[in-house]
Every structure is written in structure tokens, then in C-alpha cells.
Amino acid sequence: MMMNDVSVDGTLTDRFRASMRLAAASISLVTARDGSGKRHGMAVTSATSLSMDPLSMMVAVNRTASIHPVIAASSTFCLNLMTEDHGAILERFSRSDMREMRFATDDWSEGLHGLPVLRGALASHLCTVVAAHDFGTHTVFFGQVDDVVLPGAGMHESAPLVWRNGERVSIRSRVA
């Protein structure tokens, strides 16, 4: 198939996946706590704000992800917007063989509902699930924002951790 002078072979699924890889997206860690108090989390690019009235966020989670039943049962989640300085943490959350190391550092505090909050995040949104909708392989969880944790002084200059075409990219602004 020929589109805009670029040849892309494969199925519609392959072409769709290739097209989505071209979009830059901020990376968040969605975190939750299960009934026994164990912390769970995964890296996502499928999180965004939804509404200012009511204050709300949404995140799409594959139903095969280990955090899915935790969010469904607890009805709470935290979206931690990562900075470029969180590369090592991203690796721990992107690899299932590092699952036991995800919360092993002192990079975490406890927020409302006992949710894990990433220290140094650009922002952390602590939410209560008010609706969920299954679509395809994912569930979209709609969360009412119960609290927002913002960074301390000087942290506002940090750039978000962004994913594009299968790798981290920088959007750090340059001053002329």
C-alpha cells in the first residue's frame, strides 16, 4: 500500500500499529494497591485528562495486564506523569522479569487511598473509578480525581518522559 510516498506492507493491524508508533505520547505509571496491600503498576501511554467538571482522568488497561483486576477490585488508581529523569524506573515497569523490583526503591510515597505516588513526578492524579467500559482487549477506567500531587519548587522545569516510535524521545525546550 502506498500512502504519502511511504510504502507500508502488511495487514491493516500492522499498518495501524505503525501509525500509532509515530504519535508522541507522555508516559505515565498507573499504580494501584490490592486488598492485601501489595503495590502494582505498569507504564502506559493510554492515560489522559477527561473533564474539568467533574475533575476526571481516564486510562485504558489491557485486560491481560496484572494490574487490571487490581484496579477493577479496588476501584482506585494513581496516574504518575513521568519525567525524563525516570528512565531507570520506566525500565523496571516495562519488563515483567523486573516486576518485584518496581517498588523496591525509595522513589515512592503513599497517597490517598494508600496509592503509590512517584516522587518527582510532574504530577500524580489519585482517582476513584466511577465507570469502566470494556472495548476490544482493553478496559477504559474513568476516574474521578480525588487528589493531585504536584512537584516541589524547581521541578516544574522537568520535561515529560515521551515515547515515540518504540523509544524515548526528548521534548526539552530550547531557549534561543
Protein backbone atom coordinates (compact mmCIF):
# COMPACT_ATOMS: atom_id res chain seq x y z
CA MET A 1 0.00 0.00 0.00
CA MET A 2 1.26 3.49 -0.84
CA MET A 3 0.43 6.45 1.42
CA ASN A 4 2.08 9.87 1.21
CA ASP A 5 5.01 8.43 -0.73
CA VAL A 6 5.70 5.87 2.02
CA SER A 7 5.28 2.19 1.31
CA VAL A 8 3.91 0.17 4.23
CA ASP A 9 3.30 -3.52 3.71
CA GLY A 10 1.31 -5.83 5.96
CA THR A 11 -2.13 -6.19 7.35
CA LEU A 12 -4.37 -3.36 8.45
CA THR A 13 -3.36 -4.23 12.03
CA ASP A 14 0.33 -3.87 11.12
CA ARG A 15 -0.27 -0.54 9.40
CA PHE A 16 -2.39 0.73 12.29
CA ARG A 17 0.32 -0.25 14.80
CA ALA A 18 2.93 1.52 12.65
CA SER A 19 0.78 4.65 12.50
CA MET A 20 0.32 4.75 16.28
CA ARG A 21 4.07 4.40 16.84
CA LEU A 22 4.51 7.73 15.01
CA ALA A 23 2.47 9.62 17.60
CA ALA A 24 4.45 11.01 20.54
CA ALA A 25 2.84 10.28 23.90
CA SER A 26 3.66 11.09 27.51
CA ILE A 27 4.36 8.09 29.71
CA SER A 28 2.58 7.62 33.00
CA LEU A 29 2.85 4.91 35.58
CA VAL A 30 -0.57 3.70 36.60
CA THR A 31 -0.34 2.36 40.14
CA ALA A 32 -2.77 0.64 42.48
CA ARG A 33 -2.85 -1.36 45.69
CA ASP A 34 -4.61 -4.69 46.12
CA GLY A 35 -6.67 -5.86 49.11
CA SER A 36 -3.60 -7.29 50.85
CA GLY A 37 -1.70 -4.00 50.49
CA LYS A 38 0.64 -5.12 47.69
CA ARG A 39 1.52 -2.37 45.20
CA HIS A 40 1.03 -2.91 41.46
CA GLY A 41 1.89 -0.79 38.45
CA MET A 42 2.54 -0.56 34.76
CA ALA A 43 3.75 2.02 32.24
CA VAL A 44 1.08 3.43 29.93
CA THR A 45 0.72 5.97 27.16
CA SER A 46 -3.05 5.48 27.20
CA ALA A 47 -3.87 7.94 30.01
CA THR A 48 -5.29 11.43 29.68
CA SER A 49 -7.48 14.02 31.33
CA LEU A 50 -11.16 13.72 30.54
CA SER A 51 -13.17 16.52 32.11
CA MET A 52 -12.87 19.55 34.36
CA ASP A 53 -16.40 19.06 35.69
CA PRO A 54 -16.23 16.62 37.26
CA LEU A 55 -12.42 16.51 37.51
CA SER A 56 -11.57 13.24 35.85
CA MET A 57 -8.90 11.13 34.15
CA MET A 58 -9.11 8.00 32.07
CA VAL A 59 -6.72 5.15 31.42
CA ALA A 60 -7.02 2.17 29.07
CA VAL A 61 -5.62 -1.08 30.52
CA ASN A 62 -5.31 -4.38 28.68
CA ARG A 63 -7.44 -6.97 30.47
CA THR A 64 -4.47 -9.40 30.45
CA ALA A 65 -2.29 -6.94 32.43
CA SER A 66 -1.69 -7.96 36.04
CA ILE A 67 -2.87 -4.55 37.30
CA HIS A 68 -6.26 -4.85 35.59
CA PRO A 69 -8.00 -6.97 38.27
CA VAL A 70 -6.41 -4.82 40.99
CA ILE A 71 -7.94 -1.61 39.64
CA ALA A 72 -11.25 -3.37 38.98
CA ALA A 73 -11.42 -4.68 42.58
CA SER A 74 -10.03 -1.65 44.43
CA SER A 75 -11.78 0.97 42.27
CA THR A 76 -8.78 3.27 42.70
CA PHE A 77 -5.69 4.14 40.69
CA CYS A 78 -2.97 6.77 40.51
CA LEU A 79 -1.58 8.20 37.27
CA ASN A 80 2.02 9.37 37.79
CA LEU A 81 3.28 11.53 34.89
CA MET A 82 6.95 10.61 34.46
CA THR A 83 9.88 12.95 33.77
CA GLU A 84 12.92 12.35 31.59
CA ASP A 85 14.82 11.53 34.80
CA HIS A 86 12.70 8.40 35.37
CA GLY A 87 14.31 6.23 32.67
CA ALA A 88 15.51 3.53 35.10
CA ILE A 89 12.09 3.36 36.73
CA LEU A 90 10.43 3.03 33.33
CA GLU A 91 12.60 0.03 32.53
CA ARG A 92 11.53 -1.73 35.75
CA PHE A 93 7.86 -1.14 34.90
CA SER A 94 8.24 -2.19 31.26
CA ARG A 95 9.76 -5.61 31.94
CA SER A 96 7.83 -8.41 33.64
CA ASP A 97 11.11 -10.01 34.83
CA MET A 98 11.69 -6.86 36.94
CA ARG A 99 8.20 -6.87 38.48
CA GLU A 100 9.49 -7.50 42.02
CA MET A 101 11.88 -4.52 41.73
CA ARG A 102 9.29 -1.94 40.64
CA PHE A 103 8.67 -0.53 44.10
CA ALA A 104 12.00 -1.56 45.69
CA THR A 105 13.46 1.96 45.74
CA ASP A 106 12.63 4.96 47.88
CA ASP A 107 11.09 6.66 44.83
CA TRP A 108 7.63 6.14 46.27
CA SER A 109 5.38 7.69 48.85
CA GLU A 110 1.87 6.78 49.88
CA GLY A 111 -1.03 8.94 48.85
CA LEU A 112 -4.77 9.00 49.36
CA HIS A 113 -6.37 5.50 49.38
CA GLY A 114 -2.86 4.10 50.10
CA LEU A 115 -1.96 4.55 46.43
CA PRO A 116 1.71 4.56 45.39
CA VAL A 117 2.79 8.08 44.36
CA LEU A 118 6.02 8.52 42.36
CA ARG A 119 8.31 11.08 43.99
CA GLY A 120 9.43 13.70 41.48
CA ALA A 121 6.58 13.01 39.06
CA LEU A 122 5.43 16.00 37.02
CA ALA A 123 2.05 15.35 38.59
CA SER A 124 0.22 12.46 40.22
CA HIS A 125 -3.55 12.13 39.92
CA LEU A 126 -5.21 9.93 42.54
CA CYS A 127 -8.55 8.68 41.32
CA THR A 128 -11.62 6.68 42.26
CA VAL A 129 -13.13 4.65 39.43
CA VAL A 130 -16.62 5.94 38.66
CA ALA A 131 -17.13 3.99 35.42
CA ALA A 132 -15.42 1.36 33.32
CA HIS A 133 -16.03 0.36 29.74
CA ASP A 134 -14.69 -2.74 28.02
CA PHE A 135 -13.69 -2.32 24.40
CA GLY A 136 -11.71 -4.86 22.42
CA THR A 137 -8.79 -6.10 24.51
CA HIS A 138 -8.90 -3.22 27.00
CA THR A 139 -10.97 -1.68 29.75
CA VAL A 140 -11.14 2.10 29.92
CA PHE A 141 -11.30 3.14 33.56
CA PHE A 142 -12.83 6.56 34.18
CA GLY A 143 -11.59 8.04 37.43
CA GLN A 144 -12.83 10.95 39.48
CA VAL A 145 -9.79 12.93 40.64
CA ASP A 146 -9.68 12.88 44.45
CA ASP A 147 -6.24 14.46 44.85
CA VAL A 148 -3.42 15.92 42.76
CA VAL A 149 0.20 15.87 43.90
CA LEU A 150 2.36 18.49 42.21
CA PRO A 151 6.17 18.68 42.30
CA GLY A 152 8.13 20.83 44.68
CA ALA A 153 9.85 24.07 43.78
CA GLY A 154 12.25 23.80 40.85
CA MET A 155 10.69 20.61 39.48
CA HIS A 156 8.39 22.45 37.07
CA GLU A 157 11.31 22.69 34.62
CA SER A 158 11.50 18.90 34.20
CA ALA A 159 10.49 17.59 30.80
CA PRO A 160 7.94 14.79 30.49
CA LEU A 161 9.10 11.33 29.51
CA VAL A 162 7.79 10.82 25.98
CA TRP A 163 7.56 7.69 23.85
CA ARG A 164 7.64 7.73 20.04
CA ASN A 165 8.38 5.02 17.52
CA GLY A 166 9.34 2.49 20.17
CA GLU A 167 11.81 4.66 22.07
CA ARG A 168 12.12 7.52 24.50
CA VAL A 169 12.44 10.97 22.92
CA SER A 170 13.16 14.35 24.46
CA ILE A 171 10.94 17.37 24.11
CA ARG A 172 13.05 19.53 26.40
CA SER A 173 12.54 23.06 25.12
CA ARG A 174 15.50 25.04 23.93
CA VAL A 175 15.95 28.68 24.81
CA ALA A 176 17.26 30.81 21.96
